Protein backbone atom coordinates (compact mmCIF):
# COMPACT_ATOMS: atom_id res chain seq x y z
CA MET A 1 140.60 196.89 108.51
CA LYS A 2 142.15 193.99 106.58
CA ARG A 3 141.24 191.28 109.12
CA PRO A 4 137.43 191.06 108.49
CA PHE A 5 137.98 190.60 104.73
CA LEU A 6 140.60 187.87 105.27
CA VAL A 7 138.57 185.99 107.90
CA LEU A 8 135.40 185.97 105.79
CA PHE A 9 137.26 184.81 102.69
CA CYS A 10 139.08 181.99 104.51
CA LEU A 11 135.85 180.73 106.09
CA CYS A 12 134.22 180.55 102.67
CA LEU A 13 137.16 178.62 101.23
CA LEU A 14 137.40 176.14 104.07
CA GLY A 15 133.76 175.76 104.95
CA GLU A 16 132.73 173.65 101.94
CA PRO A 17 132.64 169.84 101.99
CA VAL A 18 135.14 168.14 99.69
CA THR A 19 134.17 164.98 97.79
CA ALA A 20 136.45 162.40 96.19
CA LYS A 21 135.64 163.65 92.70
CA THR A 22 136.40 167.29 93.40
CA THR A 23 139.61 168.66 91.93
CA THR A 24 141.35 171.93 92.78
CA GLU A 25 143.58 173.79 90.35
CA TYR A 26 145.93 176.64 91.26
CA GLN A 27 146.52 179.36 88.69
CA THR A 28 148.27 182.70 88.26
CA TRP A 29 146.81 185.47 86.09
CA LEU A 30 148.95 188.37 84.89
CA ALA A 31 147.44 191.29 82.96
CA ALA A 32 148.55 194.61 81.53
CA GLY A 33 146.45 197.19 79.74
CA ALA A 34 145.83 200.81 78.87
CA ARG A 35 142.83 203.16 78.83
CA VAL A 36 142.62 205.91 76.21
CA PRO A 37 139.92 208.62 76.29
CA LEU A 38 138.19 208.96 72.91
CA LEU A 39 135.32 211.38 73.49
CA LYS A 40 133.71 212.94 76.54
CA ASN A 41 132.94 210.14 79.04
CA THR A 42 134.02 207.52 76.45
CA ASP A 43 137.11 205.33 76.89
CA LEU A 44 138.87 202.62 74.92
CA ASP A 45 140.52 199.80 76.88
CA VAL A 46 143.10 197.37 75.48
CA ILE A 47 144.21 194.55 77.78
CA ALA A 48 146.32 191.39 77.46
CA LEU A 49 145.76 188.67 80.07
CA GLN A 50 147.92 185.59 80.52
CA LYS A 51 146.67 182.61 82.58
CA SER A 52 148.72 179.60 83.62
CA ASN A 53 149.04 177.01 86.33
CA THR A 54 151.57 177.75 89.04
CA THR A 55 154.38 175.97 87.17
CA ILE A 56 153.56 177.67 83.82
CA THR A 57 153.83 174.36 81.97
CA ASP A 58 150.69 172.27 81.35
CA ILE A 59 148.08 175.03 81.13
CA TYR A 60 148.79 178.26 79.30
CA GLN A 61 146.22 180.77 78.07
CA VAL A 62 146.46 184.22 76.47
CA TYR A 63 143.49 186.60 76.29
CA PRO A 64 143.72 189.86 74.33
CA LYS A 65 140.67 192.05 74.98
CA VAL A 66 139.34 195.31 73.55
CA SER A 67 136.39 197.20 75.03
CA LEU A 68 134.59 200.53 74.73
CA SER A 69 132.93 202.11 77.76
CA TYR A 70 130.66 205.11 78.27
CA ARG A 71 129.96 206.79 81.60
CA VAL A 72 126.30 207.74 81.55
CA HIS A 73 126.36 209.11 85.09
CA ARG A 74 128.79 209.29 87.97
CA TYR A 75 127.32 206.03 89.28
CA LEU A 76 126.45 204.31 85.99
CA ARG A 77 128.78 202.93 83.32
CA LEU A 78 128.07 200.94 80.12
CA GLU A 79 130.68 198.80 78.39
CA THR A 80 130.88 196.50 75.37
CA GLY A 81 133.81 194.54 74.04
CA THR A 82 135.33 191.37 72.68
CA ARG A 83 137.95 188.91 73.88
CA TYR A 84 139.88 186.21 72.02
CA ALA A 85 141.39 183.23 73.83
CA PHE A 86 144.40 181.10 72.89
CA GLU A 87 144.55 178.07 75.21
CA PHE A 88 147.17 175.32 75.40
CA ASP A 89 146.31 172.49 77.80
CA GLU A 90 148.71 169.50 77.97
CA GLY A 91 149.49 169.69 74.25
CA GLU A 92 145.91 170.40 73.16
CA ARG A 93 145.10 173.74 71.52
CA ASP A 94 141.79 175.57 71.68
CA ARG A 95 140.61 179.03 70.66
CA ARG A 96 137.54 180.97 71.79
CA LEU A 97 135.87 184.21 70.83
CA ARG A 98 133.71 186.16 73.30
CA PHE A 99 131.49 189.22 73.02
CA PHE A 100 130.21 190.91 76.18
CA GLN A 101 128.08 193.82 77.33
CA ASP A 102 128.24 195.28 80.85
CA ILE A 103 126.12 197.55 83.00
CA GLY A 104 128.00 198.71 86.08
CA THR A 105 126.86 200.87 88.98
CA GLY A 106 128.19 201.90 92.36
CA SER A 107 126.95 203.63 95.47
CA PRO A 108 128.14 206.97 96.85
CA ALA A 109 130.82 206.65 99.51
CA LEU A 110 129.42 205.39 102.82
CA TRP A 111 132.16 206.58 105.15
CA LEU A 112 135.10 204.49 103.84
CA PHE A 113 132.97 201.96 101.98
CA LYS A 114 131.49 201.66 98.51
CA VAL A 115 129.11 199.04 97.13
CA GLY A 116 129.31 198.11 93.45
CA TYR A 117 127.26 195.94 91.10
CA ARG A 118 127.98 194.75 87.55
CA PHE A 119 125.66 192.87 85.22
CA ARG A 120 127.24 191.15 82.19
CA PHE A 121 125.77 189.33 79.22
CA GLN A 122 128.33 187.38 77.22
CA GLN A 123 128.40 184.93 74.32
CA THR A 124 131.35 182.61 73.74
CA HIS A 125 132.19 180.47 70.72
CA GLU A 126 134.80 177.72 70.94
CA GLU A 127 136.86 176.53 67.99
CA ASN A 128 135.54 172.96 68.21
CA GLU A 129 131.89 173.83 68.87
CA ASP A 130 129.08 174.67 66.43
CA LYS A 131 127.14 177.00 68.74
CA TRP A 132 127.53 180.05 70.93
CA THR A 133 127.26 179.71 74.72
CA PRO A 134 125.37 182.62 76.34
CA LYS A 135 125.93 183.44 80.02
CA LEU A 136 124.72 186.01 82.53
CA ARG A 137 127.14 187.18 85.21
CA ASN A 138 126.09 189.11 88.31
CA LYS A 139 128.88 190.60 90.42
CA LEU A 140 128.49 192.34 93.79
CA SER A 141 131.45 194.03 95.47
CA LEU A 142 132.31 195.93 98.64
CA SER A 143 135.46 198.06 98.87
CA ALA A 144 137.06 200.35 101.45
CA SER A 145 138.97 203.53 100.49
CA VAL A 146 141.61 203.40 103.19
CA SER A 147 144.04 205.43 101.06
CA PRO A 148 144.77 205.94 97.34
CA TYR A 149 147.50 203.30 97.68
CA PHE A 150 145.44 200.72 99.57
CA LYS A 151 141.81 199.92 98.71
CA PRO A 152 140.85 196.44 99.96
CA GLY A 153 137.64 194.80 98.85
CA ILE A 154 135.62 191.61 98.68
CA TYR A 155 133.38 190.44 95.86
CA TYR A 156 131.00 187.66 94.81
CA GLU A 157 130.10 186.74 91.23
CA HIS A 158 127.50 184.24 90.01
CA PHE A 159 127.42 182.70 86.51
CA LEU A 160 124.23 181.55 84.77
CA ASP A 161 124.58 179.35 81.66
CA LEU A 162 121.54 180.12 79.47
CA SER A 163 122.20 177.10 77.23
CA GLU A 164 121.44 174.71 80.10
CA THR A 165 118.10 173.61 81.50
CA GLN A 166 116.68 175.66 84.36
CA GLU A 167 117.82 173.26 87.10
CA ASN A 168 121.40 173.25 85.73
CA MET A 169 121.60 176.91 84.80
CA SER A 170 123.77 177.95 87.76
CA ALA A 171 127.21 177.26 86.31
CA ASP A 172 129.81 178.75 88.66
CA TYR A 173 130.36 181.22 91.43
CA ARG A 174 133.43 183.26 92.26
CA LEU A 175 134.40 184.63 95.67
CA GLY A 176 137.46 186.77 96.15
CA LEU A 177 139.50 189.45 97.83
CA SER A 178 141.01 192.42 96.01
CA ILE A 179 143.51 195.16 96.79
CA GLY A 180 143.64 198.17 94.48
CA SER A 181 146.40 200.75 94.43
CA ARG A 182 146.52 204.08 92.59
CA ILE A 183 150.26 204.67 92.41
CA THR A 184 149.83 207.86 90.38
CA ARG A 185 147.01 209.26 88.25
CA ALA A 186 148.29 207.21 85.31
CA HIS A 187 149.44 204.00 86.98
CA ARG A 188 147.08 201.54 88.71
CA LEU A 189 147.68 198.08 90.21
CA LYS A 190 145.18 195.49 91.39
CA LEU A 191 145.90 192.26 93.26
CA LYS A 192 143.16 189.62 93.56
CA LEU A 193 142.91 186.27 95.32
CA PHE A 194 139.77 184.32 94.48
CA GLN A 195 138.19 180.91 94.16
CA ASN A 196 135.99 179.84 91.26
CA THR A 197 133.68 176.89 92.07
CA GLU A 198 131.77 174.79 89.54
CA LEU A 199 128.11 174.33 90.47
CA ASN A 200 126.56 172.06 87.84
CA GLY A 201 129.29 169.41 87.79
CA ASP A 202 131.70 167.96 90.35
CA ASP A 203 132.21 171.18 92.34
CA ASP A 204 135.70 171.53 90.83
CA LYS A 205 137.58 174.59 92.04
CA GLU A 206 140.13 177.02 90.68
CA ARG A 207 142.14 179.11 93.14
CA VAL A 208 143.71 182.07 91.44
CA LEU A 209 146.26 184.74 92.29
CA SER A 210 145.81 187.65 89.87
CA LEU A 211 147.94 190.75 89.35
CA SER A 212 147.01 193.44 86.81
CA TYR A 213 148.48 196.77 85.75
CA HIS A 214 146.53 199.53 83.97
CA HIS A 215 147.87 202.72 82.41
CA TYR A 216 145.52 205.71 82.06
CA PHE A 217 146.35 208.20 79.30
């Protein structure tokens, strides 16, 4: 079951031409959060995400995030929230504020498999910029419910920068593998390995290992 996901992901990583100007960064992302039910079908999520390079020295970022979600239907979920970023890059400091709105949907179970889709509109303001940067993000995922403790998946996400001209609007894409685990009803873990590739620049890449924990009250 795991082999098709790994083979497809490795082919995508290795199958792209590399130019002299292309750079590849390796990062680790660690996150912890909690979900609290407020009303019927309405949840509050509070998450803290820490990003760094593999040596945790030159690049260091902290992202606290708060969001409110509402389940309209079993297969339809709406979410809105905000995220603040503290970034330290080789002695330079930057801060960013982001607002986002999501529409997420998923298919009924098709044997072991489920297909999911998420549409996000976000606006980000950087400390040293005078304007907001709007982006659209489309994410398509496929997961397999092998067991509550092991749910592998693969996903693709495409970023559109609405502040750019039409020919440069495609900003990035993200391709990754994920493994979700429901340890108990209250404790969830998710491991992700993905690559983020720049599209309207030098095709720079970020390869990320991400581990997140979520507590459900």
